[in-house]
Amino acid sequence: MTKTADKESGGIDWSQYQASGFFDEMITPKGAARRASRSVVKHLGQLSRDELESRRVAAESTVRDMGVSFTVYSDGENIDRTWPFDLIPRVISAKEWEVTANGLKQRVRALNMFINDVYHEQKIFKDGVVPEYLIKDSKNFRPECVGVTPPKGVWAHICGCDLVRDADGKFYVLEDNLRVPSGVAYMLENREISKRVLPELFETNNILPVDDYPTKLFNMLASVSPRKVRQPEIVILTPGIYNSAYFEHAYLAQQLGVELVEGSDLFVDKDDCVYMKSISGLDRVDVIYRRIDDLFLDPEAFHPDSILGVPGIMRAWQAGNVTLVNAPGAGVADDKVVYAYVPKMIEYYLGEKAILPNVETYLCDDPEQLKYVVENIEKLVVKPANESGGYGMLVGPHASKKDHEEFRKLVQENPRNYIAQPTLMLSTAPVITGPGEAEPRHLDLRPFVLQGTDLAVTTGGLTRVALKKGSLVVNSSQGGGSKDTWIVAEGGAK
C-alpha cells in the first residue's frame, strides 16, 4: 500500500482507510490495494492534496457544464438536481467481468423465453416449474399480448439487471428491470467526466471502453425493425420534460441521431401503421424505443385518459407493423416474486445451471416462508413485488418497531405482493469525504444487456453508491450518488 510521506500535502491517505468489516472492492482487510485497483490507489495517493481537491471540483463543474441532472419528486414539486458523482472509480478486472457478462446473457435469454412462453403455450406452468397463479395475479401480465410474437421473439430488448456483492465478494443478481430500465446515459456521462478529470489514468491503464453503447443500441433497434429497409425509422418516445429520466431520453436521442418524440407527434392511420408528423409530411415509424409505462402507452387499450401515449399503437404492434422496445407485457418477468424462479427458468429453457446466483429470497405467499418473515422481519429486507427506486420497502435492521409492525400487517394482508431477503453485507468502495480523506460506502451495479439479432452486455455499467454513511439505499432520488465503472484488462497498465 502506498503511504504518502506528507499527510498534509499528499492525496488520499490510504493508511487511514477502514473497510468497516464489509468486502471492500478496492482495499483488502490488510490495507493493500486489490490487484485491479493498484494503479488507481497508488495514483490517488501520490497526487497532492490541492491537486486532488481541484480534480474533485473539476468533476463537479463538468457535471454542471454538461447539464447532467435528474429529477426528484417531492411534496408535489419537480426538483432538478445535479448528478452526484464521486471521483474515485470502481475497478473490476476484465477476467471477472467476462464471467459476469456471460451470466447476464444467459439470464436475459431465459427471461425472454419465459415471457414468450407466458403469452403463448405456457409450458413452464404446465410442467410445474413455475406456479401459474403468479402470472394470474401479476399486475404486469397483459392479456393484450397473448398470441403476439415480436421480431426475433424478443420482448425485453434492453435489460438492466442490478448486481450486488455480498460478504464473499461474489456478484449476485438483486433484481431484473425489464420494463423501461434507466440509467445508461449516466453510465456514459460518468465515463466522459472521468476522462476529463483523470486523463493520465486512461493513458496508463487498459480500461475497456463503454462509448460504443449508442452504436450497439442503434444496431439492436435497427435489427428488430419489422420492415427490411436500409434505414428504418427509429424514434424515442418520451413522456416529456417533466419525467425524471428526461435527461436520458434527450441524451440518447442525440447520441443515436434519432427523433425524440412525444405521443402527440405520432399517430396510427387506418392501415394500422405508425406515422410521425414532420415538416416534410408523414414518415412511417418502424421502431419505437418507448420510455412510457405500458398502461399509459395507448388510451384505446389501457388507461383511456392517458395523454402520454398514442391511440392505436397496440393495434399497430399486434399487427406487426411497428416494434415497441421494450415490448408491452415484458414486465411480467419484472416481478420480484417471479425473480425467485429465474434460476429454475435457466435450467428449464436452456438446460444450464445459472452462472450468476440470485440473492436468497423468501416468498411471502408460501405459508412457511411467510411465518419466517413475520417472525424475523427485523433482520430482513422486505420488498413489494412491483415497486422500483427503493420505494415501499423495509430495511429491517434500520427500521423502527412501528415500521416492523406495519410491514408484518402488510405482508399478511397481501402475501403475494411481497418478498423478503436477508440484509446483505453489501460491498463497499471508497468515496472522497474531505481533503485527503476517503471512507467506504455501499454500492450496487446496473449493467445493461441488449438483445436483438445478437446479445451484448455493457463493459461494466452504472455504479450507484449510497453517499450517506451506513446507508444501503443507493438510489439518486434518495441520497445516492454514482461512480465511473472501470473494467481493467489483465495487468491493468498499458
Protein backbone atom coordinates (compact mmCIF):
# COMPACT_ATOMS: atom_id res chain seq x y z
CA MET A 1 0.00 0.00 0.00
CA THR A 2 1.34 3.44 -0.91
CA LYS A 3 1.54 5.82 2.02
CA THR A 4 2.13 9.49 1.41
CA ALA A 5 5.21 10.95 3.00
CA ASP A 6 3.47 14.18 3.88
CA LYS A 7 -0.10 13.66 5.06
CA GLU A 8 -0.80 17.39 4.94
CA SER A 9 0.16 17.81 1.28
CA GLY A 10 -0.43 14.29 -0.06
CA GLY A 11 -3.55 12.94 -1.75
CA ILE A 12 -5.68 10.23 -0.18
CA ASP A 13 -4.02 8.81 2.91
CA TRP A 14 -4.94 5.15 2.42
CA SER A 15 -3.30 4.18 5.72
CA GLN A 16 -6.30 5.79 7.45
CA TYR A 17 -8.88 3.97 5.33
CA GLN A 18 -11.00 1.48 7.30
CA ALA A 19 -13.13 -1.04 5.34
CA SER A 20 -15.55 -1.46 8.31
CA GLY A 21 -15.86 -5.25 8.15
CA PHE A 22 -17.52 -5.40 4.71
CA PHE A 23 -15.99 -6.73 1.50
CA ASP A 24 -14.27 -3.66 0.08
CA GLU A 25 -13.79 -3.72 -3.68
CA MET A 26 -10.64 -1.60 -3.71
CA ILE A 27 -8.80 -2.24 -0.44
CA THR A 28 -8.17 -5.60 1.28
CA PRO A 29 -8.71 -6.10 5.05
CA LYS A 30 -4.92 -5.82 5.45
CA GLY A 31 -4.90 -2.38 3.83
CA ALA A 32 -3.44 -3.35 0.46
CA ALA A 33 -4.89 -2.36 -2.90
CA ARG A 34 -6.65 -5.17 -4.75
CA ARG A 35 -4.80 -6.20 -7.89
CA ALA A 36 -7.04 -4.49 -10.46
CA SER A 37 -7.08 -1.27 -8.38
CA ARG A 38 -3.36 -0.90 -7.64
CA SER A 39 -2.64 1.75 -10.24
CA VAL A 40 -5.63 3.90 -9.22
CA VAL A 41 -4.91 3.62 -5.49
CA LYS A 42 -1.25 4.50 -6.00
CA HIS A 43 -2.02 7.48 -8.22
CA LEU A 44 -4.68 8.97 -5.93
CA GLY A 45 -2.29 8.62 -3.00
CA GLN A 46 0.53 10.39 -4.84
CA LEU A 47 -1.43 13.41 -6.06
CA SER A 48 -1.01 16.46 -3.87
CA ARG A 49 -3.96 17.28 -1.66
CA ASP A 50 -4.57 20.51 -3.56
CA GLU A 51 -4.44 18.67 -6.88
CA LEU A 52 -6.88 16.03 -5.67
CA GLU A 53 -9.27 18.72 -4.48
CA SER A 54 -9.00 20.59 -7.78
CA ARG A 55 -9.87 17.35 -9.64
CA ARG A 56 -12.90 16.85 -7.40
CA VAL A 57 -14.06 20.43 -8.01
CA ALA A 58 -13.42 19.99 -11.75
CA ALA A 59 -15.63 16.90 -11.75
CA GLU A 60 -18.47 18.85 -10.12
CA SER A 61 -18.04 21.70 -12.62
CA THR A 62 -18.01 19.24 -15.52
CA VAL A 63 -21.28 17.69 -14.34
CA ARG A 64 -22.88 21.15 -14.23
CA ASP A 65 -21.41 22.23 -17.59
CA MET A 66 -22.62 19.03 -19.26
CA GLY A 67 -26.09 19.54 -17.77
CA VAL A 68 -26.15 16.08 -16.19
CA SER A 69 -29.18 16.12 -13.91
CA PHE A 70 -32.06 14.07 -12.58
CA THR A 71 -35.49 15.00 -11.26
CA VAL A 72 -36.76 14.34 -7.76
CA TYR A 73 -40.48 14.50 -6.97
CA SER A 74 -41.01 15.99 -3.52
CA ASP A 75 -44.22 17.36 -1.99
CA GLY A 76 -45.79 17.88 -5.39
CA GLU A 77 -42.72 19.70 -6.76
CA ASN A 78 -40.33 18.66 -9.52
CA ILE A 79 -36.79 19.45 -8.41
CA ASP A 80 -33.89 19.21 -10.86
CA ARG A 81 -30.67 18.20 -9.16
CA THR A 82 -27.11 17.95 -10.40
CA TRP A 83 -25.95 14.35 -10.80
CA PRO A 84 -23.88 13.38 -7.71
CA PHE A 85 -20.55 11.96 -8.92
CA ASP A 86 -17.67 10.55 -6.88
CA LEU A 87 -14.20 10.92 -8.34
CA ILE A 88 -12.79 7.52 -7.29
CA PRO A 89 -13.68 4.93 -9.95
CA ARG A 90 -14.92 1.44 -9.19
CA VAL A 91 -12.46 -1.05 -10.68
CA ILE A 92 -13.31 -4.61 -11.78
CA SER A 93 -10.94 -7.00 -13.56
CA ALA A 94 -11.80 -7.95 -17.14
CA LYS A 95 -11.38 -11.63 -16.28
CA GLU A 96 -14.08 -11.44 -13.60
CA TRP A 97 -16.30 -9.33 -15.85
CA GLU A 98 -16.21 -11.89 -18.66
CA VAL A 99 -17.84 -14.48 -16.37
CA THR A 100 -20.37 -11.91 -15.14
CA ALA A 101 -21.30 -10.84 -18.68
CA ASN A 102 -21.84 -14.47 -19.72
CA GLY A 103 -24.11 -14.91 -16.72
CA LEU A 104 -26.14 -11.85 -17.70
CA LYS A 105 -26.54 -13.05 -21.30
CA GLN A 106 -27.70 -16.45 -20.04
CA ARG A 107 -30.21 -14.82 -17.73
CA VAL A 108 -31.68 -12.49 -20.36
CA ARG A 109 -32.03 -15.31 -22.90
CA ALA A 110 -34.02 -17.35 -20.38
CA LEU A 111 -36.16 -14.37 -19.34
CA ASN A 112 -37.11 -13.63 -22.95
CA MET A 113 -38.01 -17.28 -23.49
CA PHE A 114 -40.13 -17.17 -20.34
CA ILE A 115 -42.04 -14.06 -21.45
CA ASN A 116 -42.69 -15.62 -24.88
CA ASP A 117 -43.90 -18.80 -23.20
CA VAL A 118 -46.22 -16.83 -20.89
CA TYR A 119 -48.01 -15.27 -23.87
CA HIS A 120 -48.13 -18.49 -25.89
CA GLU A 121 -48.16 -22.13 -24.76
CA GLN A 122 -47.33 -21.57 -21.05
CA LYS A 123 -45.39 -24.83 -20.93
CA ILE A 124 -43.41 -23.80 -17.86
CA PHE A 125 -46.64 -23.70 -15.82
CA LYS A 126 -47.97 -26.95 -17.23
CA ASP A 127 -44.70 -28.65 -16.30
CA GLY A 128 -44.95 -27.34 -12.74
CA VAL A 129 -41.70 -25.35 -12.79
CA VAL A 130 -43.37 -22.02 -12.00
CA PRO A 131 -46.81 -21.81 -10.31
CA GLU A 132 -49.42 -20.44 -12.72
CA TYR A 133 -51.12 -18.25 -10.12
CA LEU A 134 -48.06 -15.96 -10.08
CA ILE A 135 -48.99 -14.81 -13.57
CA LYS A 136 -52.73 -14.71 -12.99
CA ASP A 137 -52.12 -12.40 -10.03
CA SER A 138 -49.41 -10.35 -11.75
CA LYS A 139 -50.01 -6.62 -12.18
CA ASN A 140 -47.80 -6.71 -15.27
CA PHE A 141 -49.50 -9.51 -17.21
CA ARG A 142 -51.13 -8.01 -20.31
CA PRO A 143 -53.92 -10.08 -21.92
CA GLU A 144 -53.50 -7.87 -25.00
CA CYS A 145 -50.13 -9.55 -25.63
CA VAL A 146 -51.39 -13.15 -25.76
CA GLY A 147 -50.52 -14.74 -29.11
CA VAL A 148 -48.22 -11.92 -30.25
CA THR A 149 -44.67 -12.79 -31.31
CA PRO A 150 -42.35 -9.76 -31.59
CA PRO A 151 -39.47 -9.79 -34.12
CA LYS A 152 -36.79 -12.37 -33.20
CA GLY A 153 -39.08 -13.49 -30.34
CA VAL A 154 -37.51 -10.78 -28.17
CA TRP A 155 -39.69 -8.99 -25.61
CA ALA A 156 -37.13 -7.37 -23.32
CA HIS A 157 -34.61 -5.85 -25.72
CA ILE A 158 -32.95 -3.67 -23.07
CA CYS A 159 -32.49 -5.13 -19.60
CA GLY A 160 -30.94 -3.55 -16.55
CA CYS A 161 -30.02 -6.31 -14.10
CA ASP A 162 -28.99 -4.99 -10.68
CA LEU A 163 -25.96 -6.75 -9.23
CA VAL A 164 -24.55 -6.65 -5.70
CA ARG A 165 -21.59 -8.24 -3.98
CA ASP A 166 -22.10 -9.90 -0.63
CA ALA A 167 -19.54 -10.61 2.10
CA ASP A 168 -17.99 -13.38 -0.03
CA GLY A 169 -17.08 -10.88 -2.76
CA LYS A 170 -19.20 -12.66 -5.39
CA PHE A 171 -21.74 -10.94 -7.64
CA TYR A 172 -25.41 -11.77 -7.03
CA VAL A 173 -28.42 -10.65 -9.07
CA LEU A 174 -30.62 -8.49 -6.86
CA GLU A 175 -33.38 -7.83 -9.39
CA ASP A 176 -34.19 -7.67 -13.10
CA ASN A 177 -35.51 -4.49 -14.74
CA LEU A 178 -37.28 -5.43 -17.95
CA ARG A 179 -39.87 -2.71 -18.47
CA VAL A 180 -38.22 0.68 -19.00
CA PRO A 181 -34.76 0.36 -17.41
CA SER A 182 -32.98 3.68 -16.98
CA GLY A 183 -29.51 4.91 -16.11
CA VAL A 184 -27.38 4.11 -19.15
CA ALA A 185 -26.89 7.79 -20.05
CA TYR A 186 -25.38 8.38 -16.62
CA MET A 187 -23.03 5.44 -17.19
CA LEU A 188 -21.81 7.11 -20.40
CA GLU A 189 -21.56 10.56 -18.84
CA ASN A 190 -19.64 9.18 -15.85
CA ARG A 191 -17.00 7.95 -18.28
CA GLU A 192 -16.78 11.35 -20.00
CA ILE A 193 -16.30 13.06 -16.64
CA SER A 194 -13.57 10.58 -15.63
CA LYS A 195 -11.71 11.08 -18.89
CA ARG A 196 -11.68 14.83 -18.35
CA VAL A 197 -10.53 14.83 -14.73
CA LEU A 198 -8.27 11.73 -14.63
CA PRO A 199 -6.90 11.60 -18.20
CA GLU A 200 -3.49 10.25 -17.15
CA LEU A 201 -5.04 7.05 -15.77
CA PHE A 202 -6.61 6.32 -19.16
CA GLU A 203 -3.16 6.60 -20.72
CA THR A 204 -1.54 4.16 -18.29
CA ASN A 205 -4.35 1.62 -17.75
CA ASN A 206 -6.12 -0.68 -20.18
CA ILE A 207 -9.66 0.49 -19.31
CA LEU A 208 -12.20 -1.14 -21.63
CA PRO A 209 -14.48 1.37 -23.42
CA VAL A 210 -18.20 1.99 -22.92
CA ASP A 211 -18.67 4.66 -25.57
CA ASP A 212 -19.71 2.08 -28.19
CA TYR A 213 -23.06 1.62 -26.40
CA PRO A 214 -25.02 4.10 -28.58
CA THR A 215 -23.83 2.28 -31.73
CA LYS A 216 -24.77 -1.10 -30.27
CA LEU A 217 -28.15 0.26 -29.16
CA PHE A 218 -28.85 1.70 -32.61
CA ASN A 219 -27.85 -1.56 -34.34
CA MET A 220 -30.06 -3.56 -31.98
CA LEU A 221 -33.04 -1.28 -32.64
CA ALA A 222 -32.48 -1.48 -36.40
CA SER A 223 -32.20 -5.28 -36.23
CA VAL A 224 -35.75 -5.65 -34.87
CA SER A 225 -37.41 -3.44 -37.47
CA PRO A 226 -40.49 -5.15 -38.94
CA ARG A 227 -39.66 -3.70 -42.38
CA LYS A 228 -36.46 -4.80 -44.06
CA VAL A 229 -35.43 -1.36 -45.23
CA ARG A 230 -31.94 0.07 -45.48
CA GLN A 231 -32.61 2.80 -42.93
CA PRO A 232 -35.52 2.00 -40.62
CA GLU A 233 -37.21 4.97 -38.95
CA ILE A 234 -36.39 4.80 -35.24
CA VAL A 235 -37.74 7.18 -32.60
CA ILE A 236 -37.52 7.53 -28.82
CA LEU A 237 -40.92 8.10 -27.20
CA THR A 238 -40.74 10.22 -24.03
CA PRO A 239 -43.48 11.28 -21.61
CA GLY A 240 -41.96 14.78 -21.78
CA ILE A 241 -39.71 17.20 -19.97
CA TYR A 242 -41.21 16.60 -16.53
CA ASN A 243 -40.23 12.93 -16.47
CA SER A 244 -37.42 12.14 -14.01
CA ALA A 245 -35.37 10.44 -16.77
CA TYR A 246 -35.93 13.11 -19.46
CA PHE A 247 -32.22 13.96 -19.47
CA GLU A 248 -31.51 10.39 -20.55
CA HIS A 249 -34.22 10.38 -23.24
CA ALA A 250 -32.81 13.54 -24.84
CA TYR A 251 -29.21 12.37 -24.45
CA LEU A 252 -29.84 9.01 -26.13
CA ALA A 253 -31.80 10.58 -28.99
CA GLN A 254 -28.89 12.92 -29.64
CA GLN A 255 -26.30 10.12 -29.42
CA LEU A 256 -28.29 7.81 -31.74
CA GLY A 257 -29.21 10.56 -34.20
CA VAL A 258 -32.92 9.75 -33.96
CA GLU A 259 -36.00 11.84 -33.25
CA LEU A 260 -37.17 12.36 -29.67
CA VAL A 261 -40.96 12.39 -29.83
CA GLU A 262 -43.96 12.70 -27.54
CA GLY A 263 -47.26 10.91 -28.06
CA SER A 264 -48.76 13.87 -29.89
CA ASP A 265 -46.02 13.64 -32.56
CA LEU A 266 -47.21 10.19 -33.63
CA PHE A 267 -50.47 8.76 -34.89
CA VAL A 268 -51.80 5.43 -36.15
CA ASP A 269 -53.54 5.53 -39.54
CA LYS A 270 -56.24 3.24 -40.92
CA ASP A 271 -53.56 0.88 -42.24
CA ASP A 272 -52.50 0.15 -38.61
CA CYS A 273 -49.10 1.72 -39.21
CA VAL A 274 -47.49 4.39 -37.03
CA TYR A 275 -46.56 7.71 -38.60
CA MET A 276 -44.52 10.65 -37.33
CA LYS A 277 -45.54 14.18 -38.20
CA SER A 278 -42.65 16.11 -39.67
CA ILE A 279 -42.06 19.32 -41.61
CA SER A 280 -41.86 17.32 -44.84
CA GLY A 281 -45.09 15.41 -44.14
CA LEU A 282 -45.62 11.97 -42.64
CA ASP A 283 -42.84 9.45 -42.02
CA ARG A 284 -43.67 5.83 -41.26
CA VAL A 285 -42.08 4.71 -37.99
CA ASP A 286 -40.57 1.21 -37.73
CA VAL A 287 -39.15 1.03 -34.21
CA ILE A 288 -40.21 2.92 -31.10
CA TYR A 289 -37.86 2.89 -28.12
CA ARG A 290 -40.55 3.82 -25.65
CA ARG A 291 -39.86 5.32 -22.24
CA ILE A 292 -43.51 5.22 -21.21
CA ASP A 293 -45.03 2.55 -18.97
CA ASP A 294 -47.45 0.03 -20.51
CA LEU A 295 -50.62 1.47 -19.02
CA PHE A 296 -50.01 4.94 -20.48
CA LEU A 297 -48.92 3.70 -23.90
CA ASP A 298 -52.29 3.50 -25.67
CA PRO A 299 -55.54 5.06 -24.40
CA GLU A 300 -57.51 2.67 -26.62
CA ALA A 301 -56.02 -0.40 -24.91
CA PHE A 302 -55.14 0.78 -21.40
CA HIS A 303 -55.81 3.99 -19.42
CA PRO A 304 -58.40 5.83 -21.58
CA ASP A 305 -57.42 9.20 -20.12
CA SER A 306 -53.69 8.89 -20.91
CA ILE A 307 -52.37 11.83 -22.91
CA LEU A 308 -48.81 10.45 -22.99
CA GLY A 309 -49.33 7.60 -25.41
CA VAL A 310 -50.57 7.07 -28.96
CA PRO A 311 -54.12 5.87 -29.66
CA GLY A 312 -53.99 2.63 -31.67
CA ILE A 313 -50.29 1.91 -31.11
CA MET A 314 -51.12 -1.51 -29.64
CA ARG A 315 -53.09 -2.38 -32.79
CA ALA A 316 -50.08 -1.45 -34.91
CA TRP A 317 -47.79 -3.55 -32.71
CA GLN A 318 -50.15 -6.55 -32.68
CA ALA A 319 -50.34 -6.35 -36.49
CA GLY A 320 -46.54 -6.49 -36.70
CA ASN A 321 -46.26 -3.06 -38.30
CA VAL A 322 -44.12 -1.47 -35.60
CA THR A 323 -41.69 -2.80 -32.99
CA LEU A 324 -42.01 -1.49 -29.45
CA VAL A 325 -38.84 -1.63 -27.35
CA ASN A 326 -39.27 -3.00 -24.76
CA ALA A 327 -42.41 -4.86 -25.78
CA PRO A 328 -45.63 -4.35 -23.82
CA GLY A 329 -46.08 -7.16 -21.34
CA ALA A 330 -42.35 -7.71 -20.77
CA GLY A 331 -42.88 -6.61 -17.18
CA VAL A 332 -44.49 -9.96 -16.44
CA ALA A 333 -40.94 -11.15 -15.72
CA ASP A 334 -40.04 -7.90 -13.94
CA ASP A 335 -41.77 -9.06 -10.77
CA LYS A 336 -39.75 -9.67 -7.63
CA VAL A 337 -41.73 -12.86 -6.95
CA VAL A 338 -41.09 -14.21 -10.46
CA TYR A 339 -37.42 -13.24 -9.92
CA ALA A 340 -37.10 -16.03 -7.37
CA TYR A 341 -37.74 -18.61 -10.12
CA VAL A 342 -35.19 -17.34 -12.67
CA PRO A 343 -32.53 -20.00 -11.84
CA LYS A 344 -35.20 -22.66 -12.50
CA MET A 345 -36.12 -20.91 -15.78
CA ILE A 346 -32.48 -21.07 -16.89
CA GLU A 347 -32.40 -24.81 -16.25
CA TYR A 348 -35.82 -25.32 -17.88
CA TYR A 349 -35.29 -23.33 -21.09
CA LEU A 350 -31.52 -23.59 -21.58
CA GLY A 351 -30.59 -26.82 -19.79
CA GLU A 352 -27.86 -24.95 -17.92
CA LYS A 353 -27.08 -24.04 -14.32
CA ALA A 354 -27.29 -20.34 -13.54
CA ILE A 355 -23.87 -18.69 -13.76
CA LEU A 356 -24.97 -15.77 -11.56
CA PRO A 357 -26.84 -16.69 -8.38
CA ASN A 358 -29.91 -14.93 -7.03
CA VAL A 359 -29.95 -13.39 -3.59
CA GLU A 360 -31.71 -15.80 -1.20
CA THR A 361 -35.41 -14.90 -1.38
CA TYR A 362 -38.39 -15.71 0.82
CA LEU A 363 -41.78 -15.80 -0.91
CA CYS A 364 -44.43 -14.49 1.45
CA ASP A 365 -47.23 -16.39 -0.33
CA ASP A 366 -45.70 -19.63 0.95
CA PRO A 367 -47.15 -20.19 4.48
CA GLU A 368 -43.89 -21.49 5.97
CA GLN A 369 -41.79 -18.73 4.43
CA LEU A 370 -44.37 -16.12 5.48
CA LYS A 371 -44.13 -17.37 9.07
CA TYR A 372 -40.34 -17.00 8.95
CA VAL A 373 -40.60 -13.46 7.52
CA VAL A 374 -43.12 -12.31 10.11
CA GLU A 375 -41.04 -13.72 12.97
CA ASN A 376 -37.72 -12.34 11.67
CA ILE A 377 -38.79 -9.11 9.99
CA GLU A 378 -36.31 -7.00 11.97
CA LYS A 379 -33.43 -8.89 10.25
CA LEU A 380 -34.81 -8.83 6.69
CA VAL A 381 -35.31 -6.52 3.73
CA VAL A 382 -38.97 -6.67 2.66
CA LYS A 383 -39.88 -5.50 -0.85
CA PRO A 384 -43.16 -5.11 -2.73
CA ALA A 385 -43.29 -7.20 -5.91
CA ASN A 386 -43.59 -4.36 -8.42
CA GLU A 387 -42.15 -1.18 -6.92
CA SER A 388 -38.83 0.31 -8.02
CA GLY A 389 -36.46 3.07 -6.97
CA GLY A 390 -36.18 1.77 -3.41
CA TYR A 391 -39.74 2.85 -2.56
CA GLY A 392 -42.19 0.88 -0.45
CA MET A 393 -39.53 -1.34 1.10
CA LEU A 394 -38.44 -2.07 4.65
CA VAL A 395 -34.81 -2.48 5.69
CA GLY A 396 -35.45 -4.34 8.92
CA PRO A 397 -32.25 -3.59 10.88
CA HIS A 398 -32.59 0.14 10.15
CA ALA A 399 -36.35 0.39 10.78
CA SER A 400 -38.34 1.17 13.92
CA LYS A 401 -40.55 -1.28 15.83
CA LYS A 402 -43.55 0.64 14.48
CA ASP A 403 -42.33 0.02 10.91
CA HIS A 404 -41.82 -3.66 11.70
CA GLU A 405 -45.41 -3.96 12.88
CA GLU A 406 -46.75 -2.09 9.87
CA PHE A 407 -44.94 -4.42 7.45
CA ARG A 408 -46.00 -7.53 9.35
CA LYS A 409 -49.56 -6.41 8.68
CA LEU A 410 -48.88 -5.60 5.02
CA VAL A 411 -47.31 -8.94 4.17
CA GLN A 412 -50.02 -10.88 5.99
CA GLU A 413 -52.81 -8.96 4.25
CA ASN A 414 -51.31 -9.37 0.76
CA PRO A 415 -48.56 -12.04 0.85
CA ARG A 416 -48.40 -12.39 -2.97
CA ASN A 417 -47.23 -8.78 -3.18
CA TYR A 418 -44.13 -9.18 -1.00
CA ILE A 419 -40.80 -10.94 -0.90
CA ALA A 420 -38.11 -10.79 1.76
CA GLN A 421 -34.36 -11.18 1.54
CA PRO A 422 -31.57 -11.31 4.11
CA THR A 423 -29.96 -7.96 4.85
CA LEU A 424 -26.89 -8.26 2.66
CA MET A 425 -23.39 -7.37 3.73
CA LEU A 426 -23.28 -5.09 0.67
CA SER A 427 -19.76 -4.49 -0.60
CA THR A 428 -18.17 -1.09 -0.23
CA ALA A 429 -15.78 1.12 -2.15
CA PRO A 430 -14.07 4.36 -1.12
CA VAL A 431 -15.63 7.76 -1.76
CA ILE A 432 -13.98 11.12 -1.14
CA THR A 433 -15.36 12.63 2.07
CA GLY A 434 -12.93 15.51 2.61
CA PRO A 435 -9.47 16.79 1.67
CA GLY A 436 -7.25 13.71 1.53
CA GLU A 437 -9.98 11.61 3.13
CA ALA A 438 -11.88 8.60 1.80
CA GLU A 439 -14.45 6.42 3.55
CA PRO A 440 -16.22 3.20 2.49
CA ARG A 441 -19.77 3.41 1.15
CA HIS A 442 -22.11 0.66 -0.03
CA LEU A 443 -22.79 0.27 -3.75
CA ASP A 444 -24.51 -1.77 -6.44
CA LEU A 445 -24.12 -2.11 -10.21
CA ARG A 446 -26.58 -1.96 -13.10
CA PRO A 447 -25.14 -3.39 -16.33
CA PHE A 448 -27.29 -3.16 -19.45
CA VAL A 449 -27.96 -6.11 -21.74
CA LEU A 450 -29.09 -5.60 -25.34
CA GLN A 451 -30.87 -8.37 -27.24
CA GLY A 452 -31.92 -8.18 -30.87
CA THR A 453 -30.23 -10.27 -33.53
CA ASP A 454 -27.27 -10.50 -31.14
CA LEU A 455 -26.68 -10.26 -27.40
CA ALA A 456 -24.38 -7.61 -25.91
CA VAL A 457 -23.53 -6.53 -22.38
CA THR A 458 -22.10 -3.15 -21.41
CA THR A 459 -18.49 -3.18 -20.26
CA GLY A 460 -19.37 -2.59 -16.65
CA GLY A 461 -22.45 -0.50 -16.04
CA LEU A 462 -23.91 2.20 -13.81
CA THR A 463 -22.43 2.03 -10.32
CA ARG A 464 -24.71 3.63 -7.76
CA VAL A 465 -23.33 4.41 -4.32
CA ALA A 466 -25.01 5.26 -1.02
CA LEU A 467 -23.29 8.52 -0.11
CA LYS A 468 -24.77 8.56 3.40
CA LYS A 469 -22.60 6.70 5.89
CA GLY A 470 -24.08 3.29 6.73
CA SER A 471 -26.95 3.62 4.25
CA LEU A 472 -27.87 0.72 1.96
CA VAL A 473 -30.09 2.83 -0.33
CA VAL A 474 -28.17 3.76 -3.48
CA ASN A 475 -30.95 5.43 -5.49
CA SER A 476 -30.17 9.01 -6.51
CA SER A 477 -33.71 10.06 -5.58
CA GLN A 478 -32.94 9.03 -2.00
CA GLY A 479 -29.50 10.49 -1.48
CA GLY A 480 -27.35 8.14 -3.57
CA GLY A 481 -24.60 9.05 -6.00
CA SER A 482 -22.57 7.39 -8.72
CA LYS A 483 -19.09 6.32 -9.82
CA ASP A 484 -17.49 5.50 -13.13
CA THR A 485 -17.07 1.73 -13.52
CA TRP A 486 -13.75 0.60 -14.95
CA ILE A 487 -13.26 -2.85 -16.41
CA VAL A 488 -9.49 -3.19 -16.50
CA ALA A 489 -7.79 -5.79 -18.67
CA GLU A 490 -5.25 -8.19 -17.15
CA GLY A 491 -2.17 -6.46 -15.87
CA GLY A 492 -4.01 -3.12 -15.62
CA ALA A 493 -1.25 -0.98 -17.07
CA LYS A 494 -0.53 -0.46 -20.76
